PDB file of all heavy atoms in Angstrom:
ATOM      1  N   LEU A   1      10.369-125.270 -36.506  1.00  0.00           N
ATOM      2  CA  LEU A   1       9.513-125.283 -35.314  1.00  0.00           C
ATOM      3  C   LEU A   1       9.813-126.455 -34.374  1.00  0.00           C
ATOM      4  O   LEU A   1       9.739-126.341 -33.159  1.00  0.00           O
ATOM      5  CB  LEU A   1       7.961-125.371 -35.823  1.00  0.00           C
ATOM      6  CG  LEU A   1       6.913-125.294 -34.699  1.00  0.00           C
ATOM      7  CD1 LEU A   1       7.001-124.049 -33.881  1.00  0.00           C
ATOM      8  CD2 LEU A   1       5.591-125.495 -35.340  1.00  0.00           C
ATOM      9  N   LEU A   2      10.180-127.638 -34.979  1.00  0.00           N
ATOM     10  CA  LEU A   2      10.527-128.776 -34.161  1.00  0.00           C
ATOM     11  C   LEU A   2      11.818-129.356 -34.645  1.00  0.00           C
ATOM     12  O   LEU A   2      12.034-129.543 -35.858  1.00  0.00           O
ATOM     13  CB  LEU A   2       9.371-129.795 -34.222  1.00  0.00           C
ATOM     14  CG  LEU A   2       9.571-131.042 -33.410  1.00  0.00           C
ATOM     15  CD1 LEU A   2       8.305-131.380 -32.604  1.00  0.00           C
ATOM     16  CD2 LEU A   2      10.069-132.189 -34.154  1.00  0.00           C
ATOM     17  N   VAL A   3      12.648-129.707 -33.694  1.00  0.00           N
ATOM     18  CA  VAL A   3      13.910-130.388 -34.046  1.00  0.00           C
ATOM     19  C   VAL A   3      14.002-131.599 -33.142  1.00  0.00           C
ATOM     20  O   VAL A   3      13.991-131.603 -31.959  1.00  0.00           O
ATOM     21  CB  VAL A   3      15.162-129.540 -33.768  1.00  0.00           C
ATOM     22  CG1 VAL A   3      16.411-130.274 -34.108  1.00  0.00           C
ATOM     23  CG2 VAL A   3      15.066-128.182 -34.632  1.00  0.00           C
ATOM     24  N   ALA A   4      14.133-132.839 -33.745  1.00  0.00           N
ATOM     25  CA  ALA A   4      14.420-134.099 -33.073  1.00  0.00           C
ATOM     26  C   ALA A   4      15.778-134.589 -33.399  1.00  0.00           C
ATOM     27  O   ALA A   4      16.118-134.700 -34.563  1.00  0.00           O
ATOM     28  CB  ALA A   4      13.300-135.095 -33.454  1.00  0.00           C
ATOM     29  N   GLU A   5      16.559-134.804 -32.418  1.00  0.00           N
ATOM     30  CA  GLU A   5      17.963-135.252 -32.605  1.00  0.00           C
ATOM     31  C   GLU A   5      18.194-136.625 -32.043  1.00  0.00           C
ATOM     32  O   GLU A   5      17.976-136.821 -30.834  1.00  0.00           O
ATOM     33  CB  GLU A   5      18.906-134.269 -31.905  1.00  0.00           C
ATOM     34  CG  GLU A   5      18.861-132.850 -32.492  1.00  0.00           C
ATOM     35  CD  GLU A   5      19.638-131.841 -31.622  1.00  0.00           C
ATOM     36  OE1 GLU A   5      19.928-132.141 -30.517  1.00  0.00           O
ATOM     37  OE2 GLU A   5      19.963-130.765 -32.214  1.00  0.00           O
ATOM     38  N   LYS A   6      18.560-137.546 -32.909  1.00  0.00           N
ATOM     39  CA  LYS A   6      18.971-138.914 -32.501  1.00  0.00           C
ATOM     40  C   LYS A   6      17.948-139.570 -31.565  1.00  0.00           C
ATOM     41  O   LYS A   6      18.217-140.128 -30.509  1.00  0.00           O
ATOM     42  CB  LYS A   6      20.293-138.874 -31.744  1.00  0.00           C
ATOM     43  CG  LYS A   6      21.408-138.383 -32.713  1.00  0.00           C
ATOM     44  CD  LYS A   6      21.990-139.494 -33.511  1.00  0.00           C
ATOM     45  CE  LYS A   6      23.170-139.087 -34.401  1.00  0.00           C
ATOM     46  NZ  LYS A   6      22.741-138.514 -35.691  1.00  0.00           N
ATOM     47  N   VAL A   7      16.701-139.459 -31.943  1.00  0.00           N
ATOM     48  CA  VAL A   7      15.555-139.942 -31.126  1.00  0.00           C
ATOM     49  C   VAL A   7      15.413-141.461 -31.282  1.00  0.00           C
ATOM     50  O   VAL A   7      15.330-142.029 -32.489  1.00  0.00           O
ATOM     51  CB  VAL A   7      14.289-139.254 -31.493  1.00  0.00           C
ATOM     52  CG1 VAL A   7      13.086-139.948 -30.803  1.00  0.00           C
ATOM     53  CG2 VAL A   7      14.316-137.831 -31.009  1.00  0.00           C
ATOM     54  N   ARG A   8      15.501-142.161 -30.186  1.00  0.00           N
ATOM     55  CA  ARG A   8      15.488-143.566 -30.145  1.00  0.00           C
ATOM     56  C   ARG A   8      14.418-144.045 -29.160  1.00  0.00           C
ATOM     57  O   ARG A   8      14.298-143.510 -28.125  1.00  0.00           O
ATOM     58  CB  ARG A   8      16.856-144.014 -29.688  1.00  0.00           C
ATOM     59  CG  ARG A   8      17.077-145.577 -29.725  1.00  0.00           C
ATOM     60  CD  ARG A   8      18.548-145.882 -29.287  1.00  0.00           C
ATOM     61  NE  ARG A   8      18.765-147.269 -29.363  1.00  0.00           N
ATOM     62  CZ  ARG A   8      19.269-147.915 -30.477  1.00  0.00           C
ATOM     63  NH1 ARG A   8      19.444-147.163 -31.614  1.00  0.00           N
ATOM     64  NH2 ARG A   8      19.641-149.204 -30.499  1.00  0.00           N
ATOM     65  N   LYS A   9      13.689-145.156 -29.600  1.00  0.00           N
ATOM     66  CA  LYS A   9      12.754-145.752 -28.626  1.00  0.00           C
ATOM     67  C   LYS A   9      12.907-147.232 -28.667  1.00  0.00           C
ATOM     68  O   LYS A   9      12.815-147.909 -29.741  1.00  0.00           O
ATOM     69  CB  LYS A   9      11.300-145.360 -28.934  1.00  0.00           C
ATOM     70  CG  LYS A   9      10.247-145.966 -27.986  1.00  0.00           C
ATOM     71  CD  LYS A   9      10.508-145.429 -26.642  1.00  0.00           C
ATOM     72  CE  LYS A   9       9.516-146.005 -25.600  1.00  0.00           C
ATOM     73  NZ  LYS A   9       9.838-145.665 -24.221  1.00  0.00           N
ATOM     74  N   GLU A  10      13.173-147.883 -27.562  1.00  0.00           N
ATOM     75  CA  GLU A  10      13.327-149.251 -27.399  1.00  0.00           C
ATOM     76  C   GLU A  10      12.214-149.833 -26.558  1.00  0.00           C
ATOM     77  O   GLU A  10      11.858-149.229 -25.543  1.00  0.00           O
ATOM     78  CB  GLU A  10      14.623-149.724 -26.783  1.00  0.00           C
ATOM     79  CG  GLU A  10      15.830-149.258 -27.585  1.00  0.00           C
ATOM     80  CD  GLU A  10      17.146-149.543 -26.954  1.00  0.00           C
ATOM     81  OE1 GLU A  10      17.159-150.255 -25.912  1.00  0.00           O
ATOM     82  OE2 GLU A  10      18.179-149.019 -27.429  1.00  0.00           O
ATOM     83  N   PHE A  11      11.551-150.941 -26.975  1.00  0.00           N
ATOM     84  CA  PHE A  11      10.594-151.646 -26.090  1.00  0.00           C
ATOM     85  C   PHE A  11      11.201-153.008 -25.814  1.00  0.00           C
ATOM     86  O   PHE A  11      11.261-153.871 -26.731  1.00  0.00           O
ATOM     87  CB  PHE A  11       9.227-151.806 -26.880  1.00  0.00           C
ATOM     88  CG  PHE A  11       8.536-150.523 -27.125  1.00  0.00           C
ATOM     89  CD1 PHE A  11       8.628-150.010 -28.439  1.00  0.00           C
ATOM     90  CD2 PHE A  11       7.771-149.871 -26.189  1.00  0.00           C
ATOM     91  CE1 PHE A  11       7.958-148.844 -28.731  1.00  0.00           C
ATOM     92  CE2 PHE A  11       7.167-148.633 -26.520  1.00  0.00           C
ATOM     93  CZ  PHE A  11       7.250-148.095 -27.755  1.00  0.00           C
ATOM     94  N   GLY A  12      11.761-153.136 -24.570  1.00  0.00           N
ATOM     95  CA  GLY A  12      12.512-154.384 -24.311  1.00  0.00           C
ATOM     96  C   GLY A  12      13.706-154.355 -25.176  1.00  0.00           C
ATOM     97  O   GLY A  12      14.454-153.424 -25.220  1.00  0.00           O
ATOM     98  N   GLY A  13      13.865-155.372 -25.942  1.00  0.00           N
ATOM     99  CA  GLY A  13      15.039-155.523 -26.895  1.00  0.00           C
ATOM    100  C   GLY A  13      14.732-154.944 -28.250  1.00  0.00           C
ATOM    101  O   GLY A  13      15.625-154.843 -29.103  1.00  0.00           O
ATOM    102  N   LEU A  14      13.461-154.607 -28.464  1.00  0.00           N
ATOM    103  CA  LEU A  14      12.991-154.102 -29.871  1.00  0.00           C
ATOM    104  C   LEU A  14      13.281-152.649 -30.063  1.00  0.00           C
ATOM    105  O   LEU A  14      12.845-151.858 -29.260  1.00  0.00           O
ATOM    106  CB  LEU A  14      11.586-154.476 -30.073  1.00  0.00           C
ATOM    107  CG  LEU A  14      10.958-154.009 -31.315  1.00  0.00           C
ATOM    108  CD1 LEU A  14      11.415-154.828 -32.516  1.00  0.00           C
ATOM    109  CD2 LEU A  14       9.430-153.980 -31.221  1.00  0.00           C
ATOM    110  N   VAL A  15      14.012-152.311 -31.097  1.00  0.00           N
ATOM    111  CA  VAL A  15      14.221-150.911 -31.458  1.00  0.00           C
ATOM    112  C   VAL A  15      13.151-150.441 -32.419  1.00  0.00           C
ATOM    113  O   VAL A  15      13.041-150.856 -33.529  1.00  0.00           O
ATOM    114  CB  VAL A  15      15.595-150.647 -32.114  1.00  0.00           C
ATOM    115  CG1 VAL A  15      15.824-149.154 -32.481  1.00  0.00           C
ATOM    116  CG2 VAL A  15      16.662-151.101 -31.133  1.00  0.00           C
ATOM    117  N   ALA A  16      12.250-149.588 -31.865  1.00  0.00           N
ATOM    118  CA  ALA A  16      11.045-149.077 -32.694  1.00  0.00           C
ATOM    119  C   ALA A  16      11.425-147.841 -33.500  1.00  0.00           C
ATOM    120  O   ALA A  16      11.046-147.688 -34.685  1.00  0.00           O
ATOM    121  CB  ALA A  16       9.875-148.733 -31.784  1.00  0.00           C
ATOM    122  N   THR A  17      12.237-146.955 -33.017  1.00  0.00           N
ATOM    123  CA  THR A  17      12.827-145.855 -33.772  1.00  0.00           C
ATOM    124  C   THR A  17      14.321-145.829 -33.428  1.00  0.00           C
ATOM    125  O   THR A  17      14.727-145.739 -32.308  1.00  0.00           O
ATOM    126  CB  THR A  17      12.219-144.549 -33.599  1.00  0.00           C
ATOM    127  OG1 THR A  17      12.261-144.175 -32.172  1.00  0.00           O
ATOM    128  CG2 THR A  17      10.744-144.466 -33.995  1.00  0.00           C
ATOM    129  N   ASP A  18      15.154-145.748 -34.535  1.00  0.00           N
ATOM    130  CA  ASP A  18      16.635-145.928 -34.347  1.00  0.00           C
ATOM    131  C   ASP A  18      17.355-144.671 -34.664  1.00  0.00           C
ATOM    132  O   ASP A  18      17.628-144.337 -35.797  1.00  0.00           O
ATOM    133  CB  ASP A  18      17.017-146.995 -35.307  1.00  0.00           C
ATOM    134  CG  ASP A  18      18.453-147.586 -35.014  1.00  0.00           C
ATOM    135  OD1 ASP A  18      19.061-147.028 -34.080  1.00  0.00           O
ATOM    136  OD2 ASP A  18      18.881-148.418 -35.708  1.00  0.00           O
ATOM    137  N   ASP A  19      17.593-143.803 -33.570  1.00  0.00           N
ATOM    138  CA  ASP A  19      18.462-142.590 -33.688  1.00  0.00           C
ATOM    139  C   ASP A  19      17.990-141.717 -34.923  1.00  0.00           C
ATOM    140  O   ASP A  19      18.763-141.346 -35.708  1.00  0.00           O
ATOM    141  CB  ASP A  19      19.918-142.988 -33.889  1.00  0.00           C
ATOM    142  CG  ASP A  19      20.510-143.673 -32.635  1.00  0.00           C
ATOM    143  OD1 ASP A  19      19.756-143.644 -31.623  1.00  0.00           O
ATOM    144  OD2 ASP A  19      21.458-144.247 -32.684  1.00  0.00           O
ATOM    145  N   VAL A  20      16.706-141.364 -34.866  1.00  0.00           N
ATOM    146  CA  VAL A  20      16.128-140.529 -36.004  1.00  0.00           C
ATOM    147  C   VAL A  20      16.398-139.055 -35.753  1.00  0.00           C
ATOM    148  O   VAL A  20      16.088-138.512 -34.767  1.00  0.00           O
ATOM    149  CB  VAL A  20      14.587-140.838 -36.127  1.00  0.00           C
ATOM    150  CG1 VAL A  20      14.004-139.848 -37.115  1.00  0.00           C
ATOM    151  CG2 VAL A  20      14.307-142.272 -36.457  1.00  0.00           C
ATOM    152  N   ASP A  21      17.006-138.417 -36.766  1.00  0.00           N
ATOM    153  CA  ASP A  21      17.132-136.954 -36.818  1.00  0.00           C
ATOM    154  C   ASP A  21      15.948-136.424 -37.712  1.00  0.00           C
ATOM    155  O   ASP A  21      15.758-137.032 -38.867  1.00  0.00           O
ATOM    156  CB  ASP A  21      18.395-136.522 -37.423  1.00  0.00           C
ATOM    157  CG  ASP A  21      19.643-136.774 -36.481  1.00  0.00           C
ATOM    158  OD1 ASP A  21      19.468-136.563 -35.258  1.00  0.00           O
ATOM    159  OD2 ASP A  21      20.684-137.242 -37.054  1.00  0.00           O
ATOM    160  N   PHE A  22      15.278-135.397 -37.285  1.00  0.00           N
ATOM    161  CA  PHE A  22      14.007-134.963 -37.958  1.00  0.00           C
ATOM    162  C   PHE A  22      13.718-133.566 -37.579  1.00  0.00           C
ATOM    163  O   PHE A  22      13.842-133.145 -36.471  1.00  0.00           O
ATOM    164  CB  PHE A  22      12.953-135.908 -37.492  1.00  0.00           C
ATOM    165  CG  PHE A  22      11.593-135.569 -38.112  1.00  0.00           C
ATOM    166  CD1 PHE A  22      11.314-136.161 -39.405  1.00  0.00           C
ATOM    167  CD2 PHE A  22      10.616-134.931 -37.475  1.00  0.00           C
ATOM    168  CE1 PHE A  22      10.126-135.929 -40.022  1.00  0.00           C
ATOM    169  CE2 PHE A  22       9.385-134.691 -38.088  1.00  0.00           C
ATOM    170  CZ  PHE A  22       9.099-135.209 -39.360  1.00  0.00           C
ATOM    171  N   THR A  23      13.467-132.755 -38.623  1.00  0.00           N
ATOM    172  CA  THR A  23      13.043-131.302 -38.297  1.00  0.00           C
ATOM    173  C   THR A  23      11.758-131.025 -39.093  1.00  0.00           C
ATOM    174  O   THR A  23      11.462-131.593 -40.070  1.00  0.00           O
ATOM    175  CB  THR A  23      14.141-130.317 -38.882  1.00  0.00           C
ATOM    176  OG1 THR A  23      14.359-130.550 -40.250  1.00  0.00           O
ATOM    177  CG2 THR A  23      15.446-130.551 -38.083  1.00  0.00           C
ATOM    178  N   ILE A  24      10.984-130.041 -38.561  1.00  0.00           N
ATOM    179  CA  ILE A  24       9.784-129.625 -39.178  1.00  0.00           C
ATOM    180  C   ILE A  24       9.949-128.108 -39.316  1.00  0.00           C
ATOM    181  O   ILE A  24       9.898-127.319 -38.335  1.00  0.00           O
ATOM    182  CB  ILE A  24       8.524-129.906 -38.317  1.00  0.00           C
ATOM    183  CG1 ILE A  24       8.409-131.401 -38.085  1.00  0.00           C
ATOM    184  CG2 ILE A  24       7.354-129.338 -39.031  1.00  0.00           C
ATOM    185  CD1 ILE A  24       7.263-131.781 -37.188  1.00  0.00           C
ATOM    186  N   PRO A  25      10.089-127.597 -40.601  1.00  0.00           N
ATOM    187  CA  PRO A  25      10.177-126.114 -40.740  1.00  0.00           C
ATOM    188  C   PRO A  25       8.883-125.427 -40.366  1.00  0.00           C
ATOM    189  O   PRO A  25       7.730-125.971 -40.552  1.00  0.00           O
ATOM    190  CB  PRO A  25      10.412-125.961 -42.306  1.00  0.00           C
ATOM    191  CG  PRO A  25      10.951-127.378 -42.736  1.00  0.00           C
ATOM    192  CD  PRO A  25      10.293-128.280 -41.839  1.00  0.00           C
ATOM    193  N   ARG A  26       9.026-124.316 -39.796  1.00  0.00           N
ATOM    194  CA  ARG A  26       7.833-123.508 -39.395  1.00  0.00           C
ATOM    195  C   ARG A  26       6.946-123.206 -40.632  1.00  0.00           C
ATOM    196  O   ARG A  26       7.516-122.799 -41.670  1.00  0.00           O
ATOM    197  CB  ARG A  26       8.270-122.175 -38.782  1.00  0.00           C
ATOM    198  CG  ARG A  26       7.263-121.424 -37.998  1.00  0.00           C
ATOM    199  CD  ARG A  26       7.801-120.207 -37.347  1.00  0.00           C
ATOM    200  NE  ARG A  26       8.706-120.542 -36.308  1.00  0.00           N
ATOM    201  CZ  ARG A  26       8.318-120.739 -35.005  1.00  0.00           C
ATOM    202  NH1 ARG A  26       6.990-120.610 -34.733  1.00  0.00           N
ATOM    203  NH2 ARG A  26       9.128-121.026 -34.060  1.00  0.00           N
ATOM    204  N   GLY A  27       5.666-123.515 -40.556  1.00  0.00           N
ATOM    205  CA  GLY A  27       4.753-123.218 -41.697  1.00  0.00           C
ATOM    206  C   GLY A  27       4.707-124.239 -42.746  1.00  0.00           C
ATOM    207  O   GLY A  27       4.028-124.078 -43.748  1.00  0.00           O
ATOM    208  N   ALA A  28       5.391-125.347 -42.602  1.00  0.00           N
ATOM    209  CA  ALA A  28       5.465-126.372 -43.626  1.00  0.00           C
ATOM    210  C   ALA A  28       4.411-127.492 -43.387  1.00  0.00           C
ATOM    211  O   ALA A  28       3.827-127.653 -42.355  1.00  0.00           O
ATOM    212  CB  ALA A  28       6.813-127.051 -43.673  1.00  0.00           C
ATOM    213  N   VAL A  29       4.058-128.285 -44.437  1.00  0.00           N
ATOM    214  CA  VAL A  29       3.353-129.529 -44.367  1.00  0.00           C
ATOM    215  C   VAL A  29       4.420-130.543 -44.697  1.00  0.00           C
ATOM    216  O   VAL A  29       4.965-130.712 -45.760  1.00  0.00           O
ATOM    217  CB  VAL A  29       2.252-129.603 -45.381  1.00  0.00           C
ATOM    218  CG1 VAL A  29       1.570-130.968 -45.305  1.00  0.00           C
ATOM    219  CG2 VAL A  29       1.125-128.483 -45.093  1.00  0.00           C
ATOM    220  N   VAL A  30       4.662-131.478 -43.633  1.00  0.00           N
ATOM    221  CA  VAL A  30       5.612-132.517 -43.691  1.00  0.00           C
ATOM    222  C   VAL A  30       4.900-133.857 -43.554  1.00  0.00           C
ATOM    223  O   VAL A  30       3.990-133.946 -42.701  1.00  0.00           O
ATOM    224  CB  VAL A  30       6.669-132.392 -42.655  1.00  0.00           C
ATOM    225  CG1 VAL A  30       7.743-133.501 -42.668  1.00  0.00           C
ATOM    226  CG2 VAL A  30       7.511-131.064 -42.815  1.00  0.00           C
ATOM    227  N   SER A  31       5.224-134.769 -44.431  1.00  0.00           N
ATOM    228  CA  SER A  31       4.597-136.132 -44.431  1.00  0.00           C
ATOM    229  C   SER A  31       5.644-137.116 -43.896  1.00  0.00           C
ATOM    230  O   SER A  31       6.820-137.079 -44.347  1.00  0.00           O
ATOM    231  CB  SER A  31       4.021-136.528 -45.710  1.00  0.00           C
ATOM    232  OG  SER A  31       2.822-135.795 -45.966  1.00  0.00           O
ATOM    233  N   LEU A  32       5.176-138.023 -43.112  1.00  0.00           N
ATOM    234  CA  LEU A  32       6.021-139.198 -42.564  1.00  0.00           C
ATOM    235  C   LEU A  32       5.361-140.455 -43.177  1.00  0.00           C
ATOM    236  O   LEU A  32       4.255-140.747 -42.884  1.00  0.00           O
ATOM    237  CB  LEU A  32       5.924-139.145 -41.078  1.00  0.00           C
ATOM    238  CG  LEU A  32       6.998-140.055 -40.260  1.00  0.00           C
ATOM    239  CD1 LEU A  32       8.395-139.649 -40.596  1.00  0.00           C
ATOM    240  CD2 LEU A  32       6.659-139.957 -38.795  1.00  0.00           C
TER     241      LEU A  32
END
């Protein structure tokens, strides 16, 4: 249902999420 590819978030020089690949199968319960 959801596909995240190389998702990165920087705040100034701080890397909060570093090139995260992540998928959520349709109908699943996924925990982070």
